[in-house]
Amino acid sequence: MTNRLDTLPSAAEVHHRLMMQRSDTERFLMGCEMFSTSRTLMCAGIRDERGTLTPAQLKAEIFLRTYGRDFDSLTTARIVSRLRQFHAPERG
C-alpha cells in the first residue's frame, strides 16, 4: 500500500515542533476553536442544502454528517429517529 502524504515530512516536523511549544491549554483551546468552526461550517452547509430546519432536524443532520458511517444502518436509523423527536425545553 502506498503511503500518500499531503504534507512534506520536513513541514510536518516543523509544525509538530511549533505545536509542542504551545502549552497544553493553548493546544486544547485551539482544538475547541477548530471544532466550533467546523460545526458552524457544517450547519451552514446543511441549511444551504436543506433550507430551514427545526433544531431537532438539524441535530439529526449533524449526527448523520459526523457519525452516520460509524454505525450499522439499523442503529443509525434508531439514533436519527430519537434525535428528530428531540424537543428543546421552553425558556421562560
Protein backbone atom coordinates (compact mmCIF):
# COMPACT_ATOMS: atom_id res chain seq x y z
CA MET A 1 0.00 0.00 0.00
CA THR A 2 1.33 3.40 -0.97
CA ASN A 3 1.68 5.99 1.75
CA ARG A 4 0.37 9.30 0.42
CA LEU A 5 1.23 12.45 2.29
CA ASP A 6 -0.33 15.81 1.73
CA THR A 7 2.45 17.45 3.77
CA LEU A 8 6.18 17.18 3.29
CA PRO A 9 7.81 15.34 6.23
CA SER A 10 10.02 18.38 6.90
CA ALA A 11 6.96 20.65 7.09
CA ALA A 12 5.19 18.18 9.39
CA GLU A 13 8.22 18.17 11.70
CA VAL A 14 8.25 21.99 11.85
CA HIS A 15 4.51 22.02 12.53
CA HIS A 16 4.85 19.43 15.28
CA ARG A 17 7.72 21.33 16.90
CA LEU A 18 5.76 24.60 16.84
CA MET A 19 2.66 22.94 18.29
CA MET A 20 4.68 21.37 21.11
CA GLN A 21 5.97 24.83 22.04
CA ARG A 22 2.43 25.79 22.98
CA SER A 23 1.03 24.91 26.37
CA ASP A 24 -1.45 22.08 26.88
CA THR A 25 -4.14 24.69 27.49
CA GLU A 26 -3.34 26.55 24.25
CA ARG A 27 -3.46 23.33 22.23
CA PHE A 28 -6.74 22.35 23.88
CA LEU A 29 -8.29 25.76 23.16
CA MET A 30 -7.10 25.57 19.55
CA GLY A 31 -8.89 22.22 19.22
CA CYS A 32 -12.07 23.70 20.71
CA GLU A 33 -11.94 26.63 18.28
CA MET A 34 -11.41 24.29 15.32
CA PHE A 35 -14.36 22.14 16.42
CA SER A 36 -16.57 25.21 16.80
CA THR A 37 -15.56 26.50 13.37
CA SER A 38 -16.16 23.13 11.70
CA ARG A 39 -19.58 22.81 13.35
CA THR A 40 -20.53 26.31 12.18
CA LEU A 41 -19.47 25.45 8.62
CA MET A 42 -21.31 22.11 8.80
CA CYS A 43 -24.52 23.76 9.99
CA ALA A 44 -24.27 26.39 7.23
CA GLY A 45 -23.81 23.66 4.63
CA ILE A 46 -26.76 21.68 5.96
CA ARG A 47 -29.01 24.76 5.97
CA ASP A 48 -27.84 25.65 2.46
CA GLU A 49 -28.76 22.18 1.20
CA ARG A 50 -31.91 21.56 3.25
CA GLY A 51 -33.31 25.02 3.95
CA THR A 52 -34.92 25.88 7.27
CA LEU A 53 -34.83 23.05 9.79
CA THR A 54 -36.12 22.63 13.31
CA PRO A 55 -33.43 22.23 15.99
CA ALA A 56 -34.26 18.51 16.15
CA GLN A 57 -33.89 18.09 12.38
CA LEU A 58 -30.58 19.96 12.47
CA LYS A 59 -29.29 17.71 15.27
CA ALA A 60 -30.16 14.65 13.20
CA GLU A 61 -28.38 16.05 10.13
CA ILE A 62 -25.29 16.94 12.19
CA PHE A 63 -25.24 13.39 13.55
CA LEU A 64 -25.52 11.92 10.05
CA ARG A 65 -22.67 14.07 8.74
CA THR A 66 -20.45 13.41 11.74
CA TYR A 67 -21.16 9.79 12.67
CA GLY A 68 -23.51 8.42 10.00
CA ARG A 69 -20.98 5.89 8.67
CA ASP A 70 -19.81 4.74 12.09
CA PHE A 71 -22.89 2.62 12.86
CA ASP A 72 -24.83 -0.07 11.06
CA SER A 73 -27.96 1.11 9.25
CA LEU A 74 -30.38 -0.07 11.95
CA THR A 75 -28.51 1.71 14.75
CA THR A 76 -28.15 4.85 12.64
CA ALA A 77 -31.90 4.87 11.92
CA ARG A 78 -32.73 4.45 15.63
CA ILE A 79 -30.43 7.32 16.64
CA VAL A 80 -31.75 9.63 13.92
CA SER A 81 -35.32 8.81 14.92
CA ARG A 82 -34.59 9.75 18.53
CA LEU A 83 -32.81 12.95 17.54
CA ARG A 84 -35.71 14.02 15.35
CA GLN A 85 -38.07 13.56 18.31
CA PHE A 86 -35.99 15.91 20.49
CA HIS A 87 -37.80 19.00 21.72
CA ALA A 88 -35.77 21.77 23.29
CA PRO A 89 -37.13 22.92 26.65
CA GLU A 90 -39.01 26.18 26.55
CA ARG A 91 -37.21 29.15 28.01
CA GLY A 92 -39.09 31.36 30.35
